[in-house]
Amino acid sequence: MLFNSPLFILLFLPLTLAGYWALARQTTARLWFLIAASIAFYGYWNWLDVPLLLVSVIANWGLSTVFGRLPATAIQRRRLLVLTAVCGNLAVLGAYKYLVFFASTLTTLTGWPETAPSVWSLPLGISFFTFHHIIYWMDLKRGLAPVYPLRDYALYITSFPQILAGPLVRNREIVPQFALSPCRPGWQQRCMQGVTLFVIGLGKKVFLADALAALSNPLYAQAGKAALATAEAWTAVLAFSLQIYFDFSGYSDMAIGLALMLGMVLPLNFDAPYRATSLQDFWRRWHMTLSRFLRDYLYIAFGGSRHGLWRQCTALIATMALGGLWHGAGWTFVLWGLAHGVALAAGALWRRWLPAVPALLGWPLTMLFVALSWVLFRAPDLTTASHILGSLWPTTALTPAPGGGRTLLLAALVAIIGPTSWQVVNRLRPRLLWAVIMAVVLVLALLKMRDGAYEFIYFQF
């Protein structure tokens, strides 16, 4: 069930909100109702994935109760249990997401017969709910999280606004909010902000991201067969760079908005990343919840900046390479991550020995690198990526495809100089006029969806 589908907007969401708010003052019933609704939402895609989700929730919660019963002095046993849980979660993720990739790579390198199944169904959202399990275990180990009752842990993992594509939420940010009644003081403001964020996110997806997808998808398909004209290559680069921003930031807006309608606050996930004046600044603004996960649980574990400059550079490269692999089982994702890791390491070296790059120069250099690296992220294989990147040198007239120039310009202006979604909602107060405006935009988006809807890009991860 897509957030950007009439079924979700006109049926699932109203029924879920009605049931949730009807149980506003009955905490236990309200939360179990939301768990049931979230499982139904998840199972709509493929009910065969539901048992895996439920087993992962029950197994992790069961192990956490064992952890809680161990005395604080049993340090080694606690560490072993945490290691077992984390490795178990990663093993499940690896089996579903990376087994075919590693097996095919091994076959290519050795010539051995294929040992993994050629078709392996990837459960939707497995990367995100696996990372949520790991976040909890690491916080449990550090004494930053309690052992939750099954109800709270199940809702933390399965909550429908964020189970499929984030944001990556720390348990201590959201679980304490479960017991709060959605009709507590300030509910009008939260609901207004939630509806506004949802509609803004839907607008980003339907009117911008999908229009850019219609522009970039045929060009990437064409590049899989042959090199492109220079104008087509640049159009593909710029269109996808903007598409992925509006697609994923639109999804994040919708997820945060849905949580607000339920009386909960999720962390911000985007902060105008295409205004960044350095790659370090970009990663502080882009997919912010993933960035802090990589920082807190990988980069710092690899040594961070505590053991000298060269150790820091190695940590940056390793962290981003693993971040790339997390996004997808393919060498294009690994190279994308490595490119960002090497560039971040180069930035660290530059800041140590050379003067700061002026913002007027840093911004175009950062955006050029980000846009070109997105080619590796989007291309289904290295051949497609090489065809696009190899076609960027101007050999033909730099004229975008018909209609493409206007779409790219509008999207670029919104991304670079337009207000962020949070800047919009934080200035608003509940007003009838604003409700009418949101209703009109929602109707227009629903009418636009009759032409077809694209899945969110991050649903594949």
Protein backbone atom coordinates (compact mmCIF):
# COMPACT_ATOMS: atom_id res chain seq x y z
CA MET A 1 0.00 0.00 0.00
CA LEU A 2 1.59 3.24 -1.16
CA PHE A 3 1.28 6.46 0.82
CA ASN A 4 0.61 8.04 -2.58
CA SER A 5 -2.35 5.81 -3.45
CA PRO A 6 -6.09 6.47 -3.23
CA LEU A 7 -6.51 3.25 -1.24
CA PHE A 8 -4.23 4.53 1.50
CA ILE A 9 -5.49 8.11 1.49
CA LEU A 10 -9.21 7.45 1.16
CA LEU A 11 -9.61 4.19 3.07
CA PHE A 12 -6.74 2.96 5.24
CA LEU A 13 -5.72 6.31 6.72
CA PRO A 14 -9.22 7.57 7.65
CA LEU A 15 -10.19 4.24 9.20
CA THR A 16 -6.92 3.98 11.14
CA LEU A 17 -7.11 7.54 12.43
CA ALA A 18 -10.76 7.10 13.39
CA GLY A 19 -10.06 3.93 15.36
CA TYR A 20 -6.91 5.33 16.97
CA TRP A 21 -8.57 8.56 18.09
CA ALA A 22 -11.70 6.72 19.27
CA LEU A 23 -9.39 4.83 21.66
CA ALA A 24 -7.42 7.96 22.59
CA ARG A 25 -7.93 7.55 26.35
CA GLN A 26 -7.44 3.76 26.42
CA THR A 27 -3.69 3.38 26.06
CA THR A 28 -3.45 -0.39 25.84
CA ALA A 29 -6.29 -0.81 23.34
CA ARG A 30 -5.09 2.18 21.29
CA LEU A 31 -1.54 0.88 20.91
CA TRP A 32 -2.55 -2.68 20.10
CA PHE A 33 -4.99 -1.28 17.53
CA LEU A 34 -2.12 0.66 15.93
CA ILE A 35 0.08 -2.45 15.91
CA ALA A 36 -2.68 -4.42 14.17
CA ALA A 37 -3.23 -1.63 11.63
CA SER A 38 0.52 -1.41 10.98
CA ILE A 39 0.80 -5.16 10.38
CA ALA A 40 -2.18 -5.00 8.02
CA PHE A 41 -0.50 -2.11 6.19
CA TYR A 42 2.75 -4.08 5.90
CA GLY A 43 1.02 -7.30 4.92
CA TYR A 44 -0.91 -5.62 2.10
CA TRP A 45 2.27 -5.74 -0.01
CA ASN A 46 2.94 -9.43 0.53
CA TRP A 47 1.36 -11.32 3.41
CA LEU A 48 4.14 -13.93 3.15
CA ASP A 49 6.54 -11.33 4.60
CA VAL A 50 4.45 -10.87 7.75
CA PRO A 51 5.71 -14.04 9.54
CA LEU A 52 9.33 -12.87 9.14
CA LEU A 53 8.46 -9.48 10.61
CA LEU A 54 6.59 -11.02 13.55
CA VAL A 55 9.33 -13.57 14.25
CA SER A 56 11.97 -10.84 14.19
CA VAL A 57 9.96 -8.75 16.66
CA ILE A 58 9.25 -11.63 19.05
CA ALA A 59 12.80 -13.03 18.86
CA ASN A 60 14.47 -9.69 19.52
CA TRP A 61 12.06 -8.82 22.30
CA GLY A 62 12.50 -12.26 23.87
CA LEU A 63 16.29 -11.93 23.85
CA SER A 64 16.00 -8.44 25.33
CA THR A 65 14.04 -9.86 28.28
CA VAL A 66 16.82 -12.39 28.81
CA PHE A 67 19.30 -9.51 28.73
CA GLY A 68 17.24 -7.66 31.33
CA ARG A 69 17.29 -10.64 33.70
CA LEU A 70 21.07 -10.92 33.63
CA PRO A 71 22.75 -9.17 36.57
CA ALA A 72 24.64 -5.99 35.76
CA THR A 73 27.82 -7.73 36.87
CA ALA A 74 27.49 -10.38 34.13
CA ILE A 75 29.25 -8.12 31.65
CA GLN A 76 30.63 -10.85 29.38
CA ARG A 77 27.32 -12.69 29.15
CA ARG A 78 25.53 -9.44 28.33
CA ARG A 79 28.04 -8.60 25.62
CA LEU A 80 27.75 -12.07 24.15
CA LEU A 81 23.95 -11.79 24.05
CA VAL A 82 24.11 -8.41 22.33
CA LEU A 83 26.64 -9.74 19.81
CA THR A 84 24.43 -12.76 19.14
CA ALA A 85 21.34 -10.59 18.59
CA VAL A 86 23.11 -8.10 16.30
CA CYS A 87 24.78 -10.84 14.27
CA GLY A 88 21.51 -12.74 14.03
CA ASN A 89 19.70 -9.69 12.65
CA LEU A 90 22.52 -9.01 10.19
CA ALA A 91 22.53 -12.67 9.11
CA VAL A 92 18.82 -12.52 8.25
CA LEU A 93 19.34 -9.27 6.34
CA GLY A 94 22.36 -10.74 4.57
CA ALA A 95 20.54 -13.92 3.59
CA TYR A 96 17.68 -12.05 1.97
CA LYS A 97 19.52 -9.07 0.55
CA TYR A 98 23.10 -10.10 -0.18
CA LEU A 99 23.24 -13.88 -0.66
CA VAL A 100 22.60 -13.73 -4.40
CA PHE A 101 25.00 -10.79 -4.82
CA PHE A 102 27.88 -12.48 -3.00
CA ALA A 103 27.23 -15.82 -4.66
CA SER A 104 27.18 -14.29 -8.15
CA THR A 105 30.35 -12.35 -7.37
CA LEU A 106 32.03 -15.55 -6.20
CA THR A 107 30.88 -17.33 -9.35
CA THR A 108 32.27 -14.55 -11.53
CA LEU A 109 35.63 -14.57 -9.76
CA THR A 110 36.09 -18.35 -9.53
CA GLY A 111 33.98 -19.83 -12.31
CA TRP A 112 32.26 -22.08 -9.78
CA PRO A 113 28.63 -23.04 -10.42
CA GLU A 114 25.91 -20.77 -9.08
CA THR A 115 25.02 -21.81 -5.52
CA ALA A 116 22.37 -19.25 -4.54
CA PRO A 117 18.78 -19.09 -5.82
CA SER A 118 18.44 -16.92 -8.91
CA VAL A 119 15.25 -15.36 -7.56
CA TRP A 120 15.05 -14.31 -3.92
CA SER A 121 12.16 -12.21 -2.73
CA LEU A 122 13.36 -9.26 -0.65
CA PRO A 123 10.91 -8.50 2.18
CA LEU A 124 9.80 -4.90 2.02
CA GLY A 125 11.48 -2.61 4.53
CA ILE A 126 13.84 -5.31 5.86
CA SER A 127 16.82 -2.93 5.89
CA PHE A 128 14.94 -0.39 7.96
CA PHE A 129 13.39 -2.68 10.54
CA THR A 130 16.69 -4.56 10.88
CA PHE A 131 18.48 -1.29 11.61
CA HIS A 132 15.81 -0.44 14.19
CA HIS A 133 16.51 -3.75 15.92
CA ILE A 134 20.24 -2.96 15.91
CA ILE A 135 19.71 0.58 17.20
CA TYR A 136 17.78 -0.87 20.13
CA TRP A 137 20.42 -3.49 20.93
CA MET A 138 23.25 -0.97 20.86
CA ASP A 139 21.31 1.39 23.12
CA LEU A 140 20.42 -1.52 25.42
CA LYS A 141 24.10 -2.44 25.69
CA ARG A 142 25.04 1.16 26.53
CA GLY A 143 22.35 1.48 29.16
CA LEU A 144 20.42 4.02 27.07
CA ALA A 145 17.29 1.88 26.68
CA PRO A 146 15.19 -0.21 29.07
CA VAL A 147 13.70 -3.62 28.38
CA TYR A 148 10.33 -2.71 26.90
CA PRO A 149 7.10 -4.70 27.15
CA LEU A 150 6.21 -6.59 23.98
CA ARG A 151 3.54 -4.04 23.07
CA ASP A 152 5.94 -1.09 23.03
CA TYR A 153 8.73 -2.96 21.28
CA ALA A 154 6.36 -4.30 18.62
CA LEU A 155 5.00 -0.84 17.91
CA TYR A 156 8.52 0.64 17.76
CA ILE A 157 9.42 -1.81 14.98
CA THR A 158 6.12 -2.08 13.08
CA SER A 159 4.66 1.46 13.23
CA PHE A 160 3.31 2.02 9.72
CA PRO A 161 4.56 5.60 9.19
CA GLN A 162 8.20 4.52 9.32
CA ILE A 163 8.49 0.74 8.86
CA LEU A 164 9.07 0.80 5.10
CA ALA A 165 11.59 3.59 4.58
CA GLY A 166 12.28 5.35 7.86
CA PRO A 167 13.14 7.78 9.26
CA LEU A 168 15.52 5.69 11.37
CA VAL A 169 14.18 6.47 14.83
CA ARG A 170 15.94 5.76 18.10
CA ASN A 171 13.73 3.95 20.56
CA ARG A 172 14.19 6.61 23.24
CA GLU A 173 12.89 9.24 20.81
CA ILE A 174 9.57 7.56 20.11
CA VAL A 175 8.66 4.85 22.67
CA PRO A 176 8.09 7.33 25.56
CA GLN A 177 5.51 9.05 23.33
CA PHE A 178 3.36 5.92 22.99
CA ALA A 179 1.67 6.44 26.36
CA LEU A 180 0.80 10.07 25.58
CA SER A 181 -2.79 10.63 24.57
CA PRO A 182 -3.13 12.05 21.05
CA CYS A 183 -5.79 14.48 22.36
CA ARG A 184 -3.48 16.06 24.94
CA PRO A 185 -3.11 19.86 24.79
CA GLY A 186 -1.76 21.10 21.47
CA TRP A 187 -3.49 18.42 19.43
CA GLN A 188 -4.95 20.97 17.00
CA GLN A 189 -1.50 22.31 16.15
CA ARG A 190 -0.02 18.83 15.78
CA CYS A 191 -2.82 17.66 13.52
CA MET A 192 -2.60 20.79 11.37
CA GLN A 193 1.15 20.33 11.02
CA GLY A 194 0.71 16.63 10.32
CA VAL A 195 -1.85 17.15 7.57
CA THR A 196 0.25 19.94 6.07
CA LEU A 197 3.43 17.85 6.05
CA PHE A 198 1.57 14.91 4.54
CA VAL A 199 0.09 17.03 1.76
CA ILE A 200 3.42 18.79 1.08
CA GLY A 201 5.14 15.41 0.88
CA LEU A 202 2.43 14.07 -1.41
CA GLY A 203 2.81 17.16 -3.61
CA LYS A 204 6.58 16.66 -3.80
CA LYS A 205 6.05 13.07 -4.86
CA VAL A 206 3.18 13.46 -7.32
CA PHE A 207 3.95 16.81 -8.95
CA LEU A 208 7.76 16.85 -8.89
CA ALA A 209 9.38 13.45 -8.22
CA ASP A 210 7.08 11.53 -10.57
CA ALA A 211 7.48 14.14 -13.31
CA LEU A 212 11.25 13.87 -12.95
CA ALA A 213 11.01 10.06 -12.98
CA ALA A 214 9.17 10.25 -16.30
CA LEU A 215 12.12 12.28 -17.55
CA SER A 216 15.00 10.22 -16.12
CA ASN A 217 13.74 6.64 -16.37
CA PRO A 218 13.67 6.43 -20.21
CA LEU A 219 17.14 7.96 -20.39
CA TYR A 220 18.61 5.45 -17.93
CA ALA A 221 16.89 2.64 -19.85
CA GLN A 222 18.38 3.97 -23.09
CA ALA A 223 21.82 4.27 -21.48
CA GLY A 224 21.71 0.59 -20.66
CA LYS A 225 21.97 -0.11 -24.40
CA ALA A 226 24.17 2.68 -25.73
CA ALA A 227 25.81 6.00 -24.96
CA LEU A 228 23.57 9.08 -24.82
CA ALA A 229 23.81 12.44 -26.47
CA THR A 230 25.48 14.96 -24.18
CA ALA A 231 22.24 16.83 -23.50
CA GLU A 232 20.44 13.59 -22.70
CA ALA A 233 23.21 12.51 -20.31
CA TRP A 234 23.11 15.79 -18.38
CA THR A 235 19.31 15.66 -18.33
CA ALA A 236 19.49 12.14 -16.86
CA VAL A 237 22.02 13.26 -14.23
CA LEU A 238 20.10 16.35 -13.13
CA ALA A 239 16.65 14.75 -13.34
CA PHE A 240 17.52 11.85 -11.05
CA SER A 241 19.43 14.09 -8.63
CA LEU A 242 16.26 16.11 -8.14
CA GLN A 243 13.93 13.11 -8.36
CA ILE A 244 15.55 11.23 -5.49
CA TYR A 245 15.48 14.35 -3.32
CA PHE A 246 11.79 15.08 -3.83
CA ASP A 247 10.88 11.39 -3.73
CA PHE A 248 12.61 10.61 -0.45
CA SER A 249 12.10 13.95 1.28
CA GLY A 250 8.46 13.75 0.19
CA TYR A 251 8.16 10.30 1.77
CA SER A 252 9.84 11.57 4.95
CA ASP A 253 7.45 14.53 5.13
CA MET A 254 4.50 12.17 4.76
CA ALA A 255 5.84 9.78 7.42
CA ILE A 256 6.48 12.60 9.90
CA GLY A 257 3.06 14.05 9.10
CA LEU A 258 1.33 10.74 9.71
CA ALA A 259 3.07 10.39 13.06
CA LEU A 260 1.94 13.88 14.04
CA MET A 261 -1.65 12.94 13.23
CA LEU A 262 -1.17 10.11 15.73
CA GLY A 263 0.20 12.54 18.31
CA MET A 264 3.87 11.53 17.91
CA VAL A 265 6.92 13.42 16.71
CA LEU A 266 9.52 11.75 14.47
CA PRO A 267 12.96 13.29 13.88
CA LEU A 268 13.64 15.54 10.92
CA ASN A 269 15.24 13.69 8.00
CA PHE A 270 16.08 16.44 5.47
CA ASP A 271 17.27 20.01 5.85
CA ALA A 272 17.72 21.55 2.38
CA PRO A 273 20.67 19.29 1.42
CA TYR A 274 21.10 20.90 -2.01
CA ARG A 275 22.17 24.11 -0.32
CA ALA A 276 25.20 22.39 1.23
CA THR A 277 28.56 24.03 0.62
CA SER A 278 30.64 20.92 1.39
CA LEU A 279 30.13 17.19 1.29
CA GLN A 280 30.32 17.06 5.08
CA ASP A 281 27.56 19.66 5.20
CA PHE A 282 25.54 17.64 2.66
CA TRP A 283 25.56 14.56 4.91
CA ARG A 284 24.45 16.66 7.85
CA ARG A 285 21.37 17.61 5.81
CA TRP A 286 20.60 14.49 3.72
CA HIS A 287 18.84 11.42 5.24
CA MET A 288 19.89 12.80 8.60
CA THR A 289 18.71 9.81 10.62
CA LEU A 290 20.84 7.44 8.52
CA SER A 291 23.81 9.81 8.75
CA ARG A 292 23.72 9.80 12.53
CA PHE A 293 23.31 5.99 12.55
CA LEU A 294 26.43 5.63 10.40
CA ARG A 295 28.25 8.14 12.61
CA ASP A 296 27.25 6.70 15.99
CA TYR A 297 27.36 2.98 15.25
CA LEU A 298 30.01 2.62 12.51
CA TYR A 299 32.24 5.68 12.17
CA ILE A 300 32.86 6.04 15.92
CA ALA A 301 33.25 2.25 16.27
CA PHE A 302 35.96 2.38 13.57
CA GLY A 303 37.82 5.00 15.60
CA GLY A 304 36.31 8.21 14.26
CA SER A 305 38.55 11.22 14.73
CA ARG A 306 39.97 10.05 18.07
CA HIS A 307 43.05 8.24 16.74
CA GLY A 308 44.62 10.57 14.25
CA LEU A 309 43.87 11.88 10.80
CA TRP A 310 44.68 8.76 8.79
CA ARG A 311 42.56 6.56 11.04
CA GLN A 312 39.76 9.08 10.57
CA CYS A 313 40.09 8.86 6.78
CA THR A 314 40.01 5.06 6.92
CA ALA A 315 36.92 5.19 9.15
CA LEU A 316 35.16 7.56 6.73
CA ILE A 317 35.86 5.35 3.72
CA ALA A 318 34.84 2.14 5.49
CA THR A 319 31.67 3.71 6.92
CA MET A 320 30.47 5.10 3.61
CA ALA A 321 31.34 1.88 1.73
CA LEU A 322 29.16 -0.07 4.16
CA GLY A 323 26.50 2.64 3.88
CA GLY A 324 26.52 2.16 0.12
CA LEU A 325 26.24 -1.62 0.46
CA TRP A 326 23.31 -1.18 2.87
CA HIS A 327 21.44 0.66 0.13
CA GLY A 328 21.67 -2.22 -2.30
CA ALA A 329 23.41 -5.46 -3.20
CA GLY A 330 25.42 -4.27 -6.18
CA TRP A 331 28.81 -2.90 -7.10
CA THR A 332 27.23 0.38 -8.18
CA PHE A 333 26.11 1.01 -4.59
CA VAL A 334 29.49 0.01 -3.20
CA LEU A 335 31.26 2.39 -5.59
CA TRP A 336 28.80 5.15 -4.73
CA GLY A 337 29.58 4.70 -1.05
CA LEU A 338 33.33 4.50 -1.68
CA ALA A 339 33.21 7.67 -3.77
CA HIS A 340 31.55 9.55 -0.91
CA GLY A 341 33.94 8.03 1.62
CA VAL A 342 37.02 9.03 -0.37
CA ALA A 343 35.62 12.53 -0.95
CA LEU A 344 34.83 12.95 2.77
CA ALA A 345 38.36 11.76 3.62
CA ALA A 346 39.80 14.22 1.10
CA GLY A 347 37.75 16.96 2.76
CA ALA A 348 39.17 16.03 6.16
CA LEU A 349 42.70 16.25 4.76
CA TRP A 350 41.94 19.57 3.10
CA ARG A 351 40.57 21.08 6.31
CA ARG A 352 43.69 19.98 8.20
CA TRP A 353 46.27 21.52 5.89
CA LEU A 354 44.57 24.02 3.58
CA PRO A 355 42.30 27.08 3.99
CA ALA A 356 38.54 26.68 3.91
CA VAL A 357 36.90 26.64 0.49
CA PRO A 358 34.68 29.72 -0.01
CA ALA A 359 30.97 28.93 -0.02
CA LEU A 360 30.56 30.36 -3.52
CA LEU A 361 32.99 27.74 -4.80
CA GLY A 362 32.13 24.97 -2.35
CA TRP A 363 28.45 24.86 -3.30
CA PRO A 364 28.85 24.17 -7.07
CA LEU A 365 31.69 21.70 -6.46
CA THR A 366 29.63 19.83 -3.87
CA MET A 367 26.52 19.74 -6.05
CA LEU A 368 28.51 18.56 -9.08
CA PHE A 369 30.05 15.70 -7.10
CA VAL A 370 26.71 14.71 -5.55
CA ALA A 371 24.91 14.78 -8.91
CA LEU A 372 27.57 12.72 -10.68
CA SER A 373 27.75 10.18 -7.87
CA TRP A 374 23.97 9.72 -8.03
CA VAL A 375 24.56 8.10 -11.43
CA LEU A 376 26.21 5.15 -9.68
CA PHE A 377 23.31 5.01 -7.22
CA ARG A 378 20.65 4.99 -9.94
CA ALA A 379 22.27 2.93 -12.67
CA PRO A 380 21.32 -0.76 -12.56
CA ASP A 381 24.83 -1.75 -13.62
CA LEU A 382 28.26 -0.34 -14.33
CA THR A 383 27.66 -0.38 -18.10
CA THR A 384 24.74 2.02 -17.77
CA ALA A 385 26.72 4.26 -15.42
CA SER A 386 29.70 4.35 -17.79
CA HIS A 387 27.46 5.21 -20.75
CA ILE A 388 25.98 8.18 -18.90
CA LEU A 389 29.19 9.47 -17.33
CA GLY A 390 31.07 8.96 -20.58
CA SER A 391 28.50 11.04 -22.48
CA LEU A 392 28.77 14.15 -20.31
CA TRP A 393 31.59 15.74 -22.30
CA PRO A 394 29.92 18.23 -24.68
CA THR A 395 29.88 16.77 -28.17
CA THR A 396 26.34 17.72 -29.13
CA ALA A 397 24.02 20.67 -28.51
CA LEU A 398 23.18 21.08 -24.82
CA THR A 399 19.41 21.19 -25.31
CA PRO A 400 17.31 19.15 -22.89
CA ALA A 401 14.45 16.96 -24.01
CA PRO A 402 11.19 18.80 -24.81
CA GLY A 403 9.55 19.94 -21.58
CA GLY A 404 12.50 18.72 -19.58
CA GLY A 405 14.06 22.14 -19.14
CA ARG A 406 11.01 23.63 -17.43
CA THR A 407 10.61 20.63 -15.13
CA LEU A 408 14.28 20.69 -14.14
CA LEU A 409 14.30 24.44 -13.56
CA LEU A 410 11.18 24.40 -11.39
CA ALA A 411 12.43 21.47 -9.33
CA ALA A 412 15.88 23.02 -8.91
CA LEU A 413 14.43 26.33 -7.73
CA VAL A 414 12.24 24.60 -5.15
CA ALA A 415 15.14 22.45 -3.91
CA ILE A 416 17.71 25.24 -3.72
CA ILE A 417 15.86 28.41 -2.74
CA GLY A 418 12.40 27.27 -1.65
CA PRO A 419 11.46 27.00 2.03
CA THR A 420 11.79 23.60 3.68
CA SER A 421 8.66 21.75 4.74
CA TRP A 422 9.37 22.41 8.41
CA GLN A 423 9.84 26.12 7.75
CA VAL A 424 6.36 26.14 6.23
CA VAL A 425 4.57 24.23 8.98
CA ASN A 426 6.30 26.02 11.85
CA ARG A 427 4.91 29.34 10.65
CA LEU A 428 1.33 28.12 10.45
CA ARG A 429 -1.54 28.16 12.91
CA PRO A 430 -4.80 26.20 12.56
CA ARG A 431 -7.01 28.19 10.18
CA LEU A 432 -10.05 27.28 8.08
CA LEU A 433 -8.49 28.89 4.99
CA TRP A 434 -5.39 26.73 5.28
CA ALA A 435 -7.55 23.61 5.66
CA VAL A 436 -9.34 24.52 2.41
CA ILE A 437 -6.02 25.03 0.62
CA MET A 438 -4.72 21.65 1.80
CA ALA A 439 -7.97 19.98 0.71
CA VAL A 440 -7.66 21.49 -2.78
CA VAL A 441 -4.04 20.36 -3.12
CA LEU A 442 -4.99 16.87 -1.92
CA VAL A 443 -7.80 16.63 -4.49
CA LEU A 444 -5.48 17.79 -7.27
CA ALA A 445 -2.90 15.20 -6.21
CA LEU A 446 -5.53 12.46 -6.22
CA LEU A 447 -6.62 13.49 -9.70
CA LYS A 448 -3.00 13.49 -10.84
CA MET A 449 -2.54 9.96 -9.48
CA ARG A 450 -5.09 8.70 -11.98
CA ASP A 451 -2.26 8.85 -14.53
CA GLY A 452 -0.36 6.25 -12.50
CA ALA A 453 1.84 6.30 -9.40
CA TYR A 454 5.51 5.47 -9.01
CA GLU A 455 6.72 3.58 -5.97
CA PHE A 456 9.00 5.47 -3.62
CA ILE A 457 12.64 4.90 -4.51
CA TYR A 458 13.66 3.86 -1.02
CA PHE A 459 11.07 1.09 -0.87
CA GLN A 460 13.59 -1.12 -2.71
CA PHE A 461 16.03 -0.87 0.20
